[in-house]
C-alpha atoms as a PDB file:
ATOM      1  CA  UNK A   1       0.000   0.000   0.000  1.00  0.00           C
ATOM      2  CA  UNK A   2       1.253   3.474  -0.890  1.00  0.00           C
ATOM      3  CA  UNK A   3       0.171   6.979   0.058  1.00  0.00           C
ATOM      4  CA  UNK A   4      -0.623   9.569  -2.604  1.00  0.00           C
ATOM      5  CA  UNK A   5      -1.584  13.228  -2.771  1.00  0.00           C
ATOM      6  CA  UNK A   6      -4.176  14.003  -5.466  1.00  0.00           C
ATOM      7  CA  UNK A   7      -4.329  17.707  -6.288  1.00  0.00           C
ATOM      8  CA  UNK A   8      -7.647  18.684  -7.847  1.00  0.00           C
ATOM      9  CA  UNK A   9      -9.154  15.436  -6.579  1.00  0.00           C
ATOM     10  CA  UNK A  10     -12.621  16.982  -6.193  1.00  0.00           C
ATOM     11  CA  UNK A  11     -12.842  17.556  -9.944  1.00  0.00           C
ATOM     12  CA  UNK A  12     -14.009  15.236 -12.704  1.00  0.00           C
ATOM     13  CA  UNK A  13     -10.904  13.222 -13.596  1.00  0.00           C
ATOM     14  CA  UNK A  14      -9.214  13.701 -10.233  1.00  0.00           C
ATOM     15  CA  UNK A  15     -12.152  12.209  -8.337  1.00  0.00           C
ATOM     16  CA  UNK A  16     -12.276   9.129 -10.581  1.00  0.00           C
ATOM     17  CA  UNK A  17      -8.531   8.573 -10.209  1.00  0.00           C
ATOM     18  CA  UNK A  18      -8.777   9.020  -6.428  1.00  0.00           C
ATOM     19  CA  UNK A  19     -11.533   6.400  -6.337  1.00  0.00           C
ATOM     20  CA  UNK A  20      -9.379   3.965  -8.331  1.00  0.00           C
ATOM     21  CA  UNK A  21      -6.428   4.524  -5.992  1.00  0.00           C
ATOM     22  CA  UNK A  22      -8.596   3.773  -2.961  1.00  0.00           C
ATOM     23  CA  UNK A  23     -10.002   0.641  -4.608  1.00  0.00           C
ATOM     24  CA  UNK A  24      -6.418  -0.503  -5.216  1.00  0.00           C
ATOM     25  CA  UNK A  25      -5.772  -0.273  -1.461  1.00  0.00           C
ATOM     26  CA  UNK A  26      -3.791   2.985  -1.360  1.00  0.00           C
ATOM     27  CA  UNK A  27      -4.099   5.883   1.077  1.00  0.00           C
ATOM     28  CA  UNK A  28      -5.298   9.071  -0.599  1.00  0.00           C
ATOM     29  CA  UNK A  29      -5.231  12.714   0.426  1.00  0.00           C
ATOM     30  CA  UNK A  30      -7.134  15.137  -1.825  1.00  0.00           C
ATOM     31  CA  UNK A  31      -6.054  18.767  -2.021  1.00  0.00           C
ATOM     32  CA  UNK A  32      -8.613  20.996  -3.765  1.00  0.00           C
ATOM     33  CA  UNK A  33      -9.740  24.607  -3.339  1.00  0.00           C
ATOM     34  CA  UNK A  34     -13.255  23.721  -4.636  1.00  0.00           C
ATOM     35  CA  UNK A  35     -13.140  26.622  -7.103  1.00  0.00           C
ATOM     36  CA  UNK A  36     -14.297  24.235  -9.827  1.00  0.00           C
ATOM     37  CA  UNK A  37     -14.408  20.930  -7.927  1.00  0.00           C
ATOM     38  CA  UNK A  38     -17.164  19.660  -5.645  1.00  0.00           C
ATOM     39  CA  UNK A  39     -16.904  18.395  -2.093  1.00  0.00           C
ATOM     40  CA  UNK A  40     -19.222  15.481  -2.949  1.00  0.00           C
ATOM     41  CA  UNK A  41     -16.731  14.474  -5.630  1.00  0.00           C
ATOM     42  CA  UNK A  42     -14.133  13.506  -3.035  1.00  0.00           C
ATOM     43  CA  UNK A  43     -14.387   9.722  -2.618  1.00  0.00           C
ATOM     44  CA  UNK A  44     -15.272   8.305   0.788  1.00  0.00           C
ATOM     45  CA  UNK A  45     -12.108   7.074   2.435  1.00  0.00           C
ATOM     46  CA  UNK A  46      -9.913   9.894   1.137  1.00  0.00           C
ATOM     47  CA  UNK A  47      -8.618  12.569   3.489  1.00  0.00           C
ATOM     48  CA  UNK A  48      -9.703  15.982   2.220  1.00  0.00           C
ATOM     49  CA  UNK A  49      -7.733  19.205   2.601  1.00  0.00           C
ATOM     50  CA  UNK A  50      -9.321  22.376   1.237  1.00  0.00           C
ATOM     51  CA  UNK A  51      -6.561  24.505  -0.208  1.00  0.00           C
ATOM     52  CA  UNK A  52      -4.682  25.677  -3.289  1.00  0.00           C
ATOM     53  CA  UNK A  53      -1.729  23.926  -4.894  1.00  0.00           C
ATOM     54  CA  UNK A  54       0.433  26.825  -3.699  1.00  0.00           C
ATOM     55  CA  UNK A  55      -0.213  25.412  -0.215  1.00  0.00           C
ATOM     56  CA  UNK A  56       1.084  21.923  -1.043  1.00  0.00           C
ATOM     57  CA  UNK A  57       4.068  22.450   1.258  1.00  0.00           C
ATOM     58  CA  UNK A  58       1.763  22.428   4.286  1.00  0.00           C
ATOM     59  CA  UNK A  59       0.348  19.036   3.288  1.00  0.00           C
ATOM     60  CA  UNK A  60       3.249  17.047   1.862  1.00  0.00           C
ATOM     61  CA  UNK A  61       5.732  15.215   4.036  1.00  0.00           C
ATOM     62  CA  UNK A  62       8.014  12.216   3.692  1.00  0.00           C
ATOM     63  CA  UNK A  63       5.152   9.768   4.311  1.00  0.00           C
ATOM     64  CA  UNK A  64       3.828  10.320   0.766  1.00  0.00           C
ATOM     65  CA  UNK A  65       4.988   8.085  -2.062  1.00  0.00           C
ATOM     66  CA  UNK A  66       3.902  10.343  -4.883  1.00  0.00           C
ATOM     67  CA  UNK A  67       1.645  13.067  -6.256  1.00  0.00           C
ATOM     68  CA  UNK A  68      -0.992  12.974  -8.986  1.00  0.00           C
ATOM     69  CA  UNK A  69      -1.479  16.537 -10.181  1.00  0.00           C
ATOM     70  CA  UNK A  70      -4.860  17.542 -11.674  1.00  0.00           C
ATOM     71  CA  UNK A  71      -5.370  20.993 -10.156  1.00  0.00           C
ATOM     72  CA  UNK A  72      -5.532  23.576 -12.951  1.00  0.00           C
ATOM     73  CA  UNK A  73      -7.666  26.203 -14.624  1.00  0.00           C
ATOM     74  CA  UNK A  74      -8.909  24.538 -17.797  1.00  0.00           C
ATOM     75  CA  UNK A  75     -11.371  26.684 -19.788  1.00  0.00           C
ATOM     76  CA  UNK A  76      -9.849  27.353 -23.194  1.00  0.00           C
ATOM     77  CA  UNK A  77     -11.898  30.489 -23.911  1.00  0.00           C
ATOM     78  CA  UNK A  78     -11.205  31.996 -20.496  1.00  0.00           C
ATOM     79  CA  UNK A  79      -7.501  31.295 -20.908  1.00  0.00           C
ATOM     80  CA  UNK A  80      -7.460  33.631 -23.912  1.00  0.00           C
ATOM     81  CA  UNK A  81      -9.303  36.484 -22.167  1.00  0.00           C
ATOM     82  CA  UNK A  82      -7.671  36.054 -18.725  1.00  0.00           C
ATOM     83  CA  UNK A  83      -4.213  34.612 -19.424  1.00  0.00           C
ATOM     84  CA  UNK A  84      -2.728  35.877 -16.157  1.00  0.00           C
ATOM     85  CA  UNK A  85      -5.001  33.540 -14.192  1.00  0.00           C
ATOM     86  CA  UNK A  86      -3.727  30.571 -16.188  1.00  0.00           C
ATOM     87  CA  UNK A  87      -0.029  31.389 -15.880  1.00  0.00           C
ATOM     88  CA  UNK A  88      -0.498  32.001 -12.158  1.00  0.00           C
ATOM     89  CA  UNK A  89      -2.569  28.904 -11.376  1.00  0.00           C
ATOM     90  CA  UNK A  90      -1.185  26.375 -13.823  1.00  0.00           C
ATOM     91  CA  UNK A  91       2.482  27.290 -14.101  1.00  0.00           C
ATOM     92  CA  UNK A  92       3.376  29.191 -10.928  1.00  0.00           C
ATOM     93  CA  UNK A  93       1.200  26.802  -8.917  1.00  0.00           C
ATOM     94  CA  UNK A  94       2.908  23.761 -10.433  1.00  0.00           C
ATOM     95  CA  UNK A  95       6.322  25.274  -9.673  1.00  0.00           C
ATOM     96  CA  UNK A  96       5.291  25.594  -6.018  1.00  0.00           C
ATOM     97  CA  UNK A  97       4.066  21.992  -6.081  1.00  0.00           C
ATOM     98  CA  UNK A  98       7.289  20.616  -7.561  1.00  0.00           C
ATOM     99  CA  UNK A  99       9.351  22.644  -5.089  1.00  0.00           C
ATOM    100  CA  UNK A 100       7.287  21.317  -2.179  1.00  0.00           C
ATOM    101  CA  UNK A 101       7.783  17.758  -3.452  1.00  0.00           C
ATOM    102  CA  UNK A 102      11.552  18.240  -3.561  1.00  0.00           C
ATOM    103  CA  UNK A 103      11.606  19.727  -0.055  1.00  0.00           C
ATOM    104  CA  UNK A 104       9.577  16.782   1.310  1.00  0.00           C
ATOM    105  CA  UNK A 105      11.589  14.149  -0.549  1.00  0.00           C
ATOM    106  CA  UNK A 106       8.569  12.998  -2.583  1.00  0.00           C
ATOM    107  CA  UNK A 107      10.037  11.867  -5.891  1.00  0.00           C
ATOM    108  CA  UNK A 108       7.179  10.550  -8.040  1.00  0.00           C
ATOM    109  CA  UNK A 109       4.732  12.652 -10.080  1.00  0.00           C
ATOM    110  CA  UNK A 110       1.950  11.915 -12.571  1.00  0.00           C
ATOM    111  CA  UNK A 111       0.777  15.063 -14.356  1.00  0.00           C
ATOM    112  CA  UNK A 112      -2.568  15.691 -16.055  1.00  0.00           C
ATOM    113  CA  UNK A 113      -1.554  17.209 -19.392  1.00  0.00           C
ATOM    114  CA  UNK A 114      -3.565  17.751 -22.553  1.00  0.00           C
ATOM    115  CA  UNK A 115      -3.716  17.355 -26.325  1.00  0.00           C
ATOM    116  CA  UNK A 116      -4.041  21.159 -26.421  1.00  0.00           C
ATOM    117  CA  UNK A 117      -0.228  21.221 -26.220  1.00  0.00           C
ATOM    118  CA  UNK A 118      -0.128  20.181 -29.902  1.00  0.00           C
ATOM    119  CA  UNK A 119      -2.352  22.898 -31.334  1.00  0.00           C
ATOM    120  CA  UNK A 120      -3.296  22.428 -35.001  1.00  0.00           C
ATOM    121  CA  UNK A 121      -2.035  18.949 -35.943  1.00  0.00           C
ATOM    122  CA  UNK A 122       0.134  18.501 -39.009  1.00  0.00           C
ATOM    123  CA  UNK A 123      -0.823  14.804 -39.215  1.00  0.00           C
ATOM    124  CA  UNK A 124      -3.199  12.376 -37.522  1.00  0.00           C
ATOM    125  CA  UNK A 125      -3.150  10.252 -35.520  1.00  0.00           C
ATOM    126  CA  UNK A 126      -1.083  12.536 -33.297  1.00  0.00           C
ATOM    127  CA  UNK A 127       2.047  10.995 -31.756  1.00  0.00           C
ATOM    128  CA  UNK A 128       4.090  12.406 -28.888  1.00  0.00           C
ATOM    129  CA  UNK A 129       6.801  13.334 -31.390  1.00  0.00           C
ATOM    130  CA  UNK A 130       4.433  15.794 -33.110  1.00  0.00           C
ATOM    131  CA  UNK A 131       5.283  19.489 -33.050  1.00  0.00           C
ATOM    132  CA  UNK A 132       3.912  21.290 -29.977  1.00  0.00           C
ATOM    133  CA  UNK A 133       2.390  24.634 -30.956  1.00  0.00           C
ATOM    134  CA  UNK A 134      -0.518  25.495 -28.637  1.00  0.00           C
ATOM    135  CA  UNK A 135      -3.149  27.858 -30.034  1.00  0.00           C
ATOM    136  CA  UNK A 136      -4.415  29.102 -26.656  1.00  0.00           C
ATOM    137  CA  UNK A 137      -3.051  30.030 -23.248  1.00  0.00           C
ATOM    138  CA  UNK A 138      -4.426  26.896 -21.593  1.00  0.00           C
ATOM    139  CA  UNK A 139      -2.412  24.639 -23.890  1.00  0.00           C
ATOM    140  CA  UNK A 140       0.628  26.887 -23.561  1.00  0.00           C
ATOM    141  CA  UNK A 141       0.577  26.694 -19.759  1.00  0.00           C
ATOM    142  CA  UNK A 142       0.233  22.904 -19.780  1.00  0.00           C
ATOM    143  CA  UNK A 143       3.178  22.656 -22.175  1.00  0.00           C
ATOM    144  CA  UNK A 144       5.185  24.966 -19.916  1.00  0.00           C
ATOM    145  CA  UNK A 145       4.522  22.635 -16.973  1.00  0.00           C
ATOM    146  CA  UNK A 146       5.678  19.681 -19.074  1.00  0.00           C
ATOM    147  CA  UNK A 147       8.960  21.537 -19.672  1.00  0.00           C
ATOM    148  CA  UNK A 148       9.190  22.334 -15.949  1.00  0.00           C
ATOM    149  CA  UNK A 149       8.782  18.653 -15.098  1.00  0.00           C
ATOM    150  CA  UNK A 150      11.455  17.633 -17.606  1.00  0.00           C
ATOM    151  CA  UNK A 151      13.879  20.090 -15.993  1.00  0.00           C
ATOM    152  CA  UNK A 152      13.062  18.767 -12.525  1.00  0.00           C
ATOM    153  CA  UNK A 153      13.607  15.167 -13.645  1.00  0.00           C
ATOM    154  CA  UNK A 154      16.996  15.957 -15.191  1.00  0.00           C
ATOM    155  CA  UNK A 155      18.261  18.207 -12.398  1.00  0.00           C
ATOM    156  CA  UNK A 156      16.828  16.505  -9.324  1.00  0.00           C
ATOM    157  CA  UNK A 157      15.937  12.919 -10.260  1.00  0.00           C
ATOM    158  CA  UNK A 158      12.155  13.287 -10.264  1.00  0.00           C
ATOM    159  CA  UNK A 159      10.320  10.228 -11.600  1.00  0.00           C
ATOM    160  CA  UNK A 160       7.552  11.693 -13.742  1.00  0.00           C
ATOM    161  CA  UNK A 161       4.899  10.812 -16.294  1.00  0.00           C
ATOM    162  CA  UNK A 162       2.737  13.339 -18.175  1.00  0.00           C
ATOM    163  CA  UNK A 163      -0.481  12.013 -19.659  1.00  0.00           C
ATOM    164  CA  UNK A 164      -1.870  14.069 -22.523  1.00  0.00           C
ATOM    165  CA  UNK A 165      -5.637  13.585 -22.677  1.00  0.00           C
ATOM    166  CA  UNK A 166      -7.776  13.928 -25.738  1.00  0.00           C
ATOM    167  CA  UNK A 167     -11.581  14.056 -25.099  1.00  0.00           C
ATOM    168  CA  UNK A 168     -12.463  12.528 -21.733  1.00  0.00           C
ATOM    169  CA  UNK A 169     -16.065  11.412 -21.264  1.00  0.00           C
ATOM    170  CA  UNK A 170     -18.255   8.947 -19.398  1.00  0.00           C
ATOM    171  CA  UNK A 171     -18.650   8.469 -15.663  1.00  0.00           C
ATOM    172  CA  UNK A 172     -17.553   6.068 -12.970  1.00  0.00           C
ATOM    173  CA  UNK A 173     -20.363   5.302 -10.539  1.00  0.00           C
ATOM    174  CA  UNK A 174     -21.010   8.423  -8.497  1.00  0.00           C
ATOM    175  CA  UNK A 175     -18.200  10.361 -10.172  1.00  0.00           C
ATOM    176  CA  UNK A 176     -18.840  12.269 -13.378  1.00  0.00           C
ATOM    177  CA  UNK A 177     -18.839  15.679 -15.036  1.00  0.00           C
ATOM    178  CA  UNK A 178     -20.190  18.626 -13.037  1.00  0.00           C
ATOM    179  CA  UNK A 179     -18.621  21.522 -14.944  1.00  0.00           C
ATOM    180  CA  UNK A 180     -20.186  24.953 -14.562  1.00  0.00           C
ATOM    181  CA  UNK A 181     -20.227  26.396 -17.125  1.00  0.00           C
ATOM    182  CA  UNK A 182     -20.359  23.216 -19.193  1.00  0.00           C
ATOM    183  CA  UNK A 183     -18.347  23.189 -22.416  1.00  0.00           C
ATOM    184  CA  UNK A 184     -18.034  19.475 -23.276  1.00  0.00           C
ATOM    185  CA  UNK A 185     -20.141  18.041 -26.079  1.00  0.00           C
ATOM    186  CA  UNK A 186     -21.731  14.972 -24.462  1.00  0.00           C
ATOM    187  CA  UNK A 187     -23.069  16.787 -21.355  1.00  0.00           C
ATOM    188  CA  UNK A 188     -24.315  19.600 -23.610  1.00  0.00           C
ATOM    189  CA  UNK A 189     -26.227  17.091 -25.757  1.00  0.00           C
ATOM    190  CA  UNK A 190     -27.699  15.649 -22.536  1.00  0.00           C
ATOM    191  CA  UNK A 191     -28.926  19.129 -21.618  1.00  0.00           C
ATOM    192  CA  UNK A 192     -30.744  19.295 -24.952  1.00  0.00           C
ATOM    193  CA  UNK A 193     -32.203  15.820 -24.333  1.00  0.00           C
ATOM    194  CA  UNK A 194     -33.474  16.947 -20.916  1.00  0.00           C
ATOM    195  CA  UNK A 195     -34.958  20.183 -22.258  1.00  0.00           C
ATOM    196  CA  UNK A 196     -32.439  22.270 -20.313  1.00  0.00           C
ATOM    197  CA  UNK A 197     -31.330  23.966 -23.532  1.00  0.00           C
ATOM    198  CA  UNK A 198     -33.399  24.513 -26.692  1.00  0.00           C
ATOM    199  CA  UNK A 199     -31.002  22.712 -29.026  1.00  0.00           C
ATOM    200  CA  UNK A 200     -27.434  21.516 -29.479  1.00  0.00           C
ATOM    201  CA  UNK A 201     -25.313  23.697 -31.745  1.00  0.00           C
ATOM    202  CA  UNK A 202     -23.188  21.977 -34.377  1.00  0.00           C
ATOM    203  CA  UNK A 203     -20.336  24.317 -35.249  1.00  0.00           C
ATOM    204  CA  UNK A 204     -19.717  23.622 -38.904  1.00  0.00           C
ATOM    205  CA  UNK A 205     -21.004  20.812 -41.106  1.00  0.00           C
ATOM    206  CA  UNK A 206     -18.686  21.418 -44.058  1.00  0.00           C
ATOM    207  CA  UNK A 207     -15.441  19.910 -42.775  1.00  0.00           C
ATOM    208  CA  UNK A 208     -13.549  17.347 -44.917  1.00  0.00           C
ATOM    209  CA  UNK A 209     -14.934  14.438 -42.866  1.00  0.00           C
ATOM    210  CA  UNK A 210     -17.468  11.729 -43.803  1.00  0.00           C
ATOM    211  CA  UNK A 211     -20.455  13.659 -42.404  1.00  0.00           C
ATOM    212  CA  UNK A 212     -18.991  17.159 -42.507  1.00  0.00           C
ATOM    213  CA  UNK A 213     -18.633  17.581 -38.732  1.00  0.00           C
ATOM    214  CA  UNK A 214     -15.490  17.603 -36.600  1.00  0.00           C
ATOM    215  CA  UNK A 215     -14.049  14.298 -35.403  1.00  0.00           C
ATOM    216  CA  UNK A 216     -12.646  13.906 -31.896  1.00  0.00           C
ATOM    217  CA  UNK A 217     -11.065  11.044 -29.948  1.00  0.00           C
ATOM    218  CA  UNK A 218     -13.254  10.132 -26.941  1.00  0.00           C
ATOM    219  CA  UNK A 219     -11.853   8.119 -24.059  1.00  0.00           C
ATOM    220  CA  UNK A 220     -13.750   6.705 -21.082  1.00  0.00           C
ATOM    221  CA  UNK A 221     -12.758   8.379 -17.817  1.00  0.00           C
ATOM    222  CA  UNK A 222     -12.320   4.971 -16.138  1.00  0.00           C
ATOM    223  CA  UNK A 223      -9.826   3.941 -18.831  1.00  0.00           C
ATOM    224  CA  UNK A 224      -8.050   7.218 -18.201  1.00  0.00           C
ATOM    225  CA  UNK A 225      -7.898   6.507 -14.457  1.00  0.00           C
ATOM    226  CA  UNK A 226      -6.395   3.072 -15.046  1.00  0.00           C
ATOM    227  CA  UNK A 227      -3.625   4.707 -17.072  1.00  0.00           C
ATOM    228  CA  UNK A 228      -2.709   6.898 -14.098  1.00  0.00           C
ATOM    229  CA  UNK A 229      -2.203   3.913 -11.822  1.00  0.00           C
ATOM    230  CA  UNK A 230      -0.059   2.238 -14.467  1.00  0.00           C
ATOM    231  CA  UNK A 231       1.929   5.467 -14.818  1.00  0.00           C
ATOM    232  CA  UNK A 232       2.791   5.404 -11.109  1.00  0.00           C
ATOM    233  CA  UNK A 233       4.356   1.987 -11.633  1.00  0.00           C
ATOM    234  CA  UNK A 234       6.156   3.048 -14.824  1.00  0.00           C
ATOM    235  CA  UNK A 235       7.720   6.267 -13.498  1.00  0.00           C
ATOM    236  CA  UNK A 236      11.528   6.050 -13.299  1.00  0.00           C
ATOM    237  CA  UNK A 237      13.887   8.374 -11.387  1.00  0.00           C
ATOM    238  CA  UNK A 238      15.445  11.028 -13.589  1.00  0.00           C
ATOM    239  CA  UNK A 239      13.047  10.398 -16.477  1.00  0.00           C
ATOM    240  CA  UNK A 240      10.012  12.283 -17.742  1.00  0.00           C
ATOM    241  CA  UNK A 241       7.766  10.062 -19.863  1.00  0.00           C
ATOM    242  CA  UNK A 242       5.047  11.736 -21.955  1.00  0.00           C
ATOM    243  CA  UNK A 243       2.150   9.602 -23.229  1.00  0.00           C
ATOM    244  CA  UNK A 244      -0.989  10.408 -25.197  1.00  0.00           C
ATOM    245  CA  UNK A 245      -4.220   8.864 -23.958  1.00  0.00           C
ATOM    246  CA  UNK A 246      -6.967   8.231 -26.481  1.00  0.00           C
ATOM    247  CA  UNK A 247      -8.910   5.494 -28.209  1.00  0.00           C
ATOM    248  CA  UNK A 248      -6.912   5.921 -31.392  1.00  0.00           C
ATOM    249  CA  UNK A 249     -10.116   6.372 -33.396  1.00  0.00           C
ATOM    250  CA  UNK A 250     -12.515   9.268 -33.510  1.00  0.00           C
ATOM    251  CA  UNK A 251     -16.224  10.029 -33.537  1.00  0.00           C
ATOM    252  CA  UNK A 252     -17.854  12.962 -35.303  1.00  0.00           C
ATOM    253  CA  UNK A 253     -20.161  15.475 -33.660  1.00  0.00           C
ATOM    254  CA  UNK A 254     -23.123  13.933 -35.486  1.00  0.00           C
ATOM    255  CA  UNK A 255     -22.080  10.430 -34.371  1.00  0.00           C
ATOM    256  CA  UNK A 256     -22.040  11.628 -30.753  1.00  0.00           C
ATOM    257  CA  UNK A 257     -25.524  13.113 -31.137  1.00  0.00           C
ATOM    258  CA  UNK A 258     -26.821   9.883 -32.703  1.00  0.00           C
ATOM    259  CA  UNK A 259     -25.287   7.866 -29.851  1.00  0.00           C
ATOM    260  CA  UNK A 260     -27.055  10.054 -27.273  1.00  0.00           C
ATOM    261  CA  UNK A 261     -30.331   9.536 -29.169  1.00  0.00           C
ATOM    262  CA  UNK A 262     -29.854   5.750 -29.068  1.00  0.00           C
ATOM    263  CA  UNK A 263     -28.900   5.647 -25.390  1.00  0.00           C
ATOM    264  CA  UNK A 264     -31.539   8.067 -24.101  1.00  0.00           C
ATOM    265  CA  UNK A 265     -34.353   7.263 -26.518  1.00  0.00           C
ATOM    266  CA  UNK A 266     -34.935  11.002 -26.888  1.00  0.00           C
ATOM    267  CA  UNK A 267     -34.949  13.364 -29.823  1.00  0.00           C
ATOM    268  CA  UNK A 268     -32.155  15.928 -29.859  1.00  0.00           C
ATOM    269  CA  UNK A 269     -32.919  19.318 -31.444  1.00  0.00           C
ATOM    270  CA  UNK A 270     -29.919  20.328 -33.581  1.00  0.00           C
ATOM    271  CA  UNK A 271     -28.994  23.691 -35.034  1.00  0.00           C
ATOM    272  CA  UNK A 272     -26.060  24.070 -37.413  1.00  0.00           C
ATOM    273  CA  UNK A 273     -23.927  27.159 -36.817  1.00  0.00           C
ATOM    274  CA  UNK A 274     -20.771  28.489 -38.427  1.00  0.00           C
ATOM    275  CA  UNK A 275     -17.353  27.021 -37.763  1.00  0.00           C
ATOM    276  CA  UNK A 276     -15.496  28.122 -34.653  1.00  0.00           C
ATOM    277  CA  UNK A 277     -12.097  29.672 -35.266  1.00  0.00           C
ATOM    278  CA  UNK A 278      -9.251  27.245 -34.667  1.00  0.00           C
ATOM    279  CA  UNK A 279     -11.324  24.047 -34.680  1.00  0.00           C
ATOM    280  CA  UNK A 280      -9.312  21.357 -36.531  1.00  0.00           C
ATOM    281  CA  UNK A 281     -11.340  18.901 -38.609  1.00  0.00           C
ATOM    282  CA  UNK A 282      -9.835  15.810 -36.950  1.00  0.00           C
ATOM    283  CA  UNK A 283      -8.057  15.291 -33.601  1.00  0.00           C
ATOM    284  CA  UNK A 284      -7.188  11.659 -32.944  1.00  0.00           C
ATOM    285  CA  UNK A 285      -4.439  10.267 -30.723  1.00  0.00           C
ATOM    286  CA  UNK A 286      -1.819   7.676 -31.304  1.00  0.00           C
ATOM    287  CA  UNK A 287      -1.685   5.818 -27.980  1.00  0.00           C
ATOM    288  CA  UNK A 288       1.056   3.413 -29.084  1.00  0.00           C
ATOM    289  CA  UNK A 289       3.539   4.761 -26.549  1.00  0.00           C
ATOM    290  CA  UNK A 290       1.082   4.350 -23.656  1.00  0.00           C
ATOM    291  CA  UNK A 291       0.475   0.772 -24.766  1.00  0.00           C
ATOM    292  CA  UNK A 292       4.202   0.031 -24.954  1.00  0.00           C
ATOM    293  CA  UNK A 293       5.488   1.978 -21.941  1.00  0.00           C
ATOM    294  CA  UNK A 294       2.548   1.601 -19.553  1.00  0.00           C
ATOM    295  CA  UNK A 295       0.958  -1.614 -20.763  1.00  0.00           C
ATOM    296  CA  UNK A 296      -2.267   0.359 -21.198  1.00  0.00           C
ATOM    297  CA  UNK A 297      -5.114  -0.387 -23.578  1.00  0.00           C
ATOM    298  CA  UNK A 298      -8.547   1.265 -23.282  1.00  0.00           C
ATOM    299  CA  UNK A 299     -11.070  -1.375 -22.207  1.00  0.00           C
ATOM    300  CA  UNK A 300     -14.210   0.694 -22.871  1.00  0.00           C
ATOM    301  CA  UNK A 301     -13.820   1.990 -26.440  1.00  0.00           C
ATOM    302  CA  UNK A 302     -17.527   1.885 -27.391  1.00  0.00           C
ATOM    303  CA  UNK A 303     -19.057   5.351 -27.762  1.00  0.00           C
ATOM    304  CA  UNK A 304     -22.473   4.027 -26.683  1.00  0.00           C
ATOM    305  CA  UNK A 305     -20.941   2.590 -23.496  1.00  0.00           C
ATOM    306  CA  UNK A 306     -19.229   5.896 -22.737  1.00  0.00           C
ATOM    307  CA  UNK A 307     -22.494   7.783 -23.309  1.00  0.00           C
ATOM    308  CA  UNK A 308     -24.558   5.282 -21.306  1.00  0.00           C
ATOM    309  CA  UNK A 309     -22.353   5.641 -18.205  1.00  0.00           C
ATOM    310  CA  UNK A 310     -22.436   9.417 -18.480  1.00  0.00           C
ATOM    311  CA  UNK A 311     -26.229   9.417 -18.970  1.00  0.00           C
ATOM    312  CA  UNK A 312     -26.785   7.288 -15.867  1.00  0.00           C
ATOM    313  CA  UNK A 313     -24.697   9.719 -13.827  1.00  0.00           C
ATOM    314  CA  UNK A 314     -26.549  12.706 -15.312  1.00  0.00           C
ATOM    315  CA  UNK A 315     -29.977  11.266 -14.422  1.00  0.00           C
ATOM    316  CA  UNK A 316     -28.855  10.589 -10.855  1.00  0.00           C
ATOM    317  CA  UNK A 317     -27.368  14.081 -10.576  1.00  0.00           C
ATOM    318  CA  UNK A 318     -30.667  15.551 -11.765  1.00  0.00           C
ATOM    319  CA  UNK A 319     -32.684  13.369  -9.377  1.00  0.00           C
ATOM    320  CA  UNK A 320     -34.361  11.350 -12.140  1.00  0.00           C
END
């Protein structure tokens, strides 16, 4: 049994990973300021400390075996209009975290990174060797933290793994998406199915894809969580491993809407709007490195299964 600190463990992915750690028999402490997370998202059995990542030094000590770092500001649009918040929270906060880890002698880190570090892809599927050219401040700050971690591994022997997510979806029992405001496609389609919004907007239907709508790589949040536990085992002192996490195949916006219709049995009002600036036609991951280095393969690749788990969570959240 090991002891881990999970920063941002009251959020969507952090809470699912914390639950998996507990189920594996580990001790878990969650550090979260609840600015975007939810107290009910902290799994039973985890110690909860309300605080910011800049306060990690008051929590960490030599009894911890590692840190899983999810705490970050993550709204792409906001990152463009309020970049200072993102550099302060994501980069300066991560520097404080890494410094606190070094001071406490905690030498293992798994970092929640993102496909936004790549920007507009030159080729798909996207491999870790692809050029990194973020198109927004959010992606730029996550890439900066990746560079910070590499420096820490080289200079001070940190054992680190960064996991670059593509589109995370689904739910794991009582743990699912509670974003406010919501910006992810599947929960937005659910809102249209529940009558909480008049329609779902499809931004562009003239892309060079089979049905004209954007294609994205969706991965079940439970598969994502399993990768984090494997990353803890794979982390090696003095090395910083970077792995993409995705299904390796994509689903279009219209395919997602059709899946929600099948799962819910409800009609989904759709309204086609113009393209959004900077939306690539296709974003799909190559997860070959994660398979080779972590021994990870997604076990829940079906879009309908991903949607069904998320729908069950949404109904329970809405008291239905």
